[in-house]
N, C-alpha and C. Protein backbone atom coordinates (compact mmCIF):
# COMPACT_ATOMS: atom_id res chain seq x y z
N UNK A 1 -8.81 -10.58 5.35
CA UNK A 1 -7.45 -10.81 4.95
C UNK A 1 -7.46 -11.43 3.55
N UNK A 2 -6.56 -10.94 2.73
CA UNK A 2 -6.41 -11.45 1.37
C UNK A 2 -4.99 -11.95 1.19
N UNK A 3 -4.85 -13.12 0.61
CA UNK A 3 -3.52 -13.63 0.30
C UNK A 3 -3.21 -13.20 -1.12
N UNK A 4 -2.87 -11.93 -1.23
CA UNK A 4 -2.60 -11.34 -2.53
C UNK A 4 -1.58 -10.23 -2.38
N UNK A 5 -0.82 -10.01 -3.44
CA UNK A 5 0.13 -8.91 -3.45
C UNK A 5 -0.39 -7.73 -4.25
N UNK A 6 -1.47 -7.92 -4.99
CA UNK A 6 -2.05 -6.87 -5.83
C UNK A 6 -3.54 -6.75 -5.53
N UNK A 7 -3.90 -5.76 -4.74
CA UNK A 7 -5.29 -5.55 -4.36
C UNK A 7 -5.96 -4.64 -5.38
N UNK A 8 -7.12 -5.05 -5.86
CA UNK A 8 -7.89 -4.24 -6.80
C UNK A 8 -9.24 -3.90 -6.18
N UNK A 9 -10.00 -3.07 -6.86
CA UNK A 9 -11.31 -2.64 -6.34
C UNK A 9 -12.25 -3.84 -6.13
N UNK A 10 -12.16 -4.85 -6.98
CA UNK A 10 -13.05 -6.01 -6.82
C UNK A 10 -12.77 -6.76 -5.53
N UNK A 11 -11.54 -6.66 -5.02
CA UNK A 11 -11.21 -7.29 -3.74
C UNK A 11 -11.86 -6.57 -2.56
N UNK A 12 -12.33 -5.36 -2.79
CA UNK A 12 -12.90 -4.53 -1.72
C UNK A 12 -14.42 -4.57 -1.67
N UNK A 13 -15.04 -5.37 -2.53
CA UNK A 13 -16.50 -5.38 -2.64
C UNK A 13 -17.18 -5.62 -1.29
N UNK A 14 -16.72 -6.61 -0.55
CA UNK A 14 -17.32 -6.91 0.75
C UNK A 14 -17.11 -5.80 1.76
N UNK A 15 -15.91 -5.20 1.77
CA UNK A 15 -15.64 -4.10 2.70
C UNK A 15 -16.46 -2.86 2.35
N UNK A 16 -16.65 -2.63 1.06
CA UNK A 16 -17.48 -1.49 0.65
C UNK A 16 -18.90 -1.66 1.16
N UNK A 17 -19.47 -2.84 1.01
CA UNK A 17 -20.82 -3.10 1.50
C UNK A 17 -20.87 -2.95 3.02
N UNK A 18 -19.86 -3.44 3.72
CA UNK A 18 -19.81 -3.32 5.17
C UNK A 18 -19.75 -1.86 5.59
N UNK A 19 -18.90 -1.06 4.93
CA UNK A 19 -18.78 0.36 5.26
C UNK A 19 -20.07 1.13 4.98
N UNK A 20 -20.79 0.75 3.94
CA UNK A 20 -22.05 1.42 3.64
C UNK A 20 -23.06 1.19 4.75
N UNK A 21 -23.04 0.00 5.34
CA UNK A 21 -23.97 -0.31 6.44
C UNK A 21 -23.44 0.16 7.79
N UNK A 22 -22.14 0.34 7.92
CA UNK A 22 -21.51 0.73 9.19
C UNK A 22 -20.52 1.86 8.94
N UNK A 23 -21.00 3.04 8.60
CA UNK A 23 -20.09 4.13 8.20
C UNK A 23 -19.17 4.63 9.31
N UNK A 24 -19.48 4.34 10.56
CA UNK A 24 -18.65 4.83 11.66
C UNK A 24 -17.42 3.95 11.92
N UNK A 25 -17.35 2.79 11.29
CA UNK A 25 -16.23 1.88 11.53
C UNK A 25 -15.07 2.16 10.59
N UNK A 26 -13.89 1.71 11.00
CA UNK A 26 -12.72 1.78 10.13
C UNK A 26 -12.59 0.44 9.41
N UNK A 27 -12.24 0.50 8.15
CA UNK A 27 -12.11 -0.72 7.35
C UNK A 27 -10.63 -1.00 7.08
N UNK A 28 -10.24 -2.24 7.33
CA UNK A 28 -8.87 -2.68 7.08
C UNK A 28 -8.90 -3.90 6.17
N UNK A 29 -8.01 -3.91 5.21
CA UNK A 29 -7.78 -5.09 4.40
C UNK A 29 -6.33 -5.49 4.62
N UNK A 30 -6.13 -6.64 5.21
CA UNK A 30 -4.79 -7.13 5.50
C UNK A 30 -4.35 -8.00 4.33
N UNK A 31 -3.15 -7.75 3.81
CA UNK A 31 -2.72 -8.47 2.62
C UNK A 31 -1.19 -8.58 2.58
N UNK A 32 -0.69 -9.07 1.47
CA UNK A 32 0.75 -9.27 1.30
C UNK A 32 1.42 -8.16 0.50
N UNK A 33 0.72 -7.06 0.24
CA UNK A 33 1.35 -5.94 -0.47
C UNK A 33 2.52 -5.42 0.35
N UNK A 34 3.54 -4.91 -0.33
CA UNK A 34 4.73 -4.44 0.37
C UNK A 34 4.49 -3.16 1.15
N UNK A 35 3.70 -2.25 0.61
CA UNK A 35 3.46 -0.95 1.23
C UNK A 35 2.01 -0.81 1.67
N UNK A 36 1.82 -0.31 2.87
CA UNK A 36 0.47 -0.01 3.34
C UNK A 36 0.01 1.30 2.70
N UNK A 37 -1.30 1.44 2.55
CA UNK A 37 -1.84 2.66 1.93
C UNK A 37 -3.29 2.84 2.33
N UNK A 38 -3.81 4.01 2.09
CA UNK A 38 -5.21 4.33 2.34
C UNK A 38 -5.87 4.58 0.99
N UNK A 39 -7.00 3.92 0.76
CA UNK A 39 -7.75 4.11 -0.47
C UNK A 39 -9.01 4.89 -0.14
N UNK A 40 -9.22 6.00 -0.84
CA UNK A 40 -10.45 6.78 -0.73
C UNK A 40 -11.34 6.39 -1.90
N UNK A 41 -12.36 5.59 -1.60
CA UNK A 41 -13.25 5.12 -2.66
C UNK A 41 -14.27 6.17 -3.04
N UNK A 42 -14.70 6.94 -2.08
CA UNK A 42 -15.51 8.13 -2.29
C UNK A 42 -15.43 8.94 -1.01
N UNK A 43 -16.21 9.98 -0.89
CA UNK A 43 -16.08 10.86 0.27
C UNK A 43 -16.41 10.17 1.59
N UNK A 44 -17.18 9.09 1.55
CA UNK A 44 -17.58 8.42 2.79
C UNK A 44 -16.86 7.11 3.05
N UNK A 45 -16.21 6.55 2.06
CA UNK A 45 -15.63 5.22 2.22
C UNK A 45 -14.12 5.27 2.02
N UNK A 46 -13.41 4.95 3.12
CA UNK A 46 -11.96 4.87 3.10
C UNK A 46 -11.58 3.48 3.59
N UNK A 47 -10.61 2.86 2.94
CA UNK A 47 -10.16 1.52 3.32
C UNK A 47 -8.65 1.56 3.52
N UNK A 48 -8.22 1.06 4.67
CA UNK A 48 -6.80 0.94 4.97
C UNK A 48 -6.31 -0.38 4.43
N UNK A 49 -5.37 -0.33 3.48
CA UNK A 49 -4.73 -1.52 2.95
C UNK A 49 -3.42 -1.66 3.74
N UNK A 50 -3.30 -2.73 4.51
CA UNK A 50 -2.16 -2.87 5.42
C UNK A 50 -1.46 -4.20 5.16
N UNK A 51 -0.13 -4.15 5.02
CA UNK A 51 0.57 -5.42 4.84
C UNK A 51 0.54 -6.20 6.15
N UNK A 52 0.68 -7.50 6.05
CA UNK A 52 0.48 -8.38 7.19
C UNK A 52 1.45 -8.10 8.35
N UNK A 53 2.70 -7.83 8.06
CA UNK A 53 3.66 -7.57 9.13
C UNK A 53 3.36 -6.28 9.87
N UNK A 54 3.02 -5.23 9.13
CA UNK A 54 2.68 -3.95 9.77
C UNK A 54 1.41 -4.09 10.60
N UNK A 55 0.44 -4.84 10.10
CA UNK A 55 -0.79 -5.06 10.85
C UNK A 55 -0.50 -5.72 12.19
N UNK A 56 0.33 -6.76 12.19
CA UNK A 56 0.65 -7.44 13.45
C UNK A 56 1.38 -6.51 14.42
N UNK A 57 2.28 -5.68 13.92
CA UNK A 57 2.96 -4.71 14.78
C UNK A 57 1.95 -3.75 15.40
N UNK A 58 1.04 -3.23 14.58
CA UNK A 58 0.03 -2.30 15.08
C UNK A 58 -0.86 -2.98 16.11
N UNK A 59 -1.23 -4.21 15.86
CA UNK A 59 -2.08 -4.96 16.78
C UNK A 59 -1.37 -5.22 18.10
N UNK A 60 -0.14 -5.70 18.04
CA UNK A 60 0.63 -6.01 19.26
C UNK A 60 0.94 -4.76 20.07
N UNK A 61 1.07 -3.61 19.40
CA UNK A 61 1.37 -2.35 20.10
C UNK A 61 0.12 -1.62 20.55
N UNK A 62 -1.03 -2.21 20.32
CA UNK A 62 -2.30 -1.62 20.76
C UNK A 62 -2.73 -0.41 19.96
N UNK A 63 -2.24 -0.26 18.75
CA UNK A 63 -2.58 0.90 17.93
C UNK A 63 -3.92 0.76 17.21
N UNK A 64 -4.40 -0.48 17.09
CA UNK A 64 -5.71 -0.73 16.50
C UNK A 64 -6.44 -1.75 17.36
N UNK A 65 -7.72 -1.70 17.30
CA UNK A 65 -8.61 -2.59 18.05
C UNK A 65 -8.34 -2.45 19.50
C-alpha cells in the first residue's frame, strides 16, 4: 500500500522484484489514486493499481484473495 496519489515506476520496484520471483501471482498496489488501472511493465509483469476504496469493495465481496 502506498499513501500516494501519483504512482510512478519507482514505486513499483519492490513489486517488480516480487513478480520476477513469483510470476504466477497477481500484483496489486493499493493507493489513493482516483482511478484504478492495470500497468503492463513488460510481457510477463502486470501490476494492478487499485484505489483504496475499490480495493476494500473487492476484498469484502470476495473478488480477490
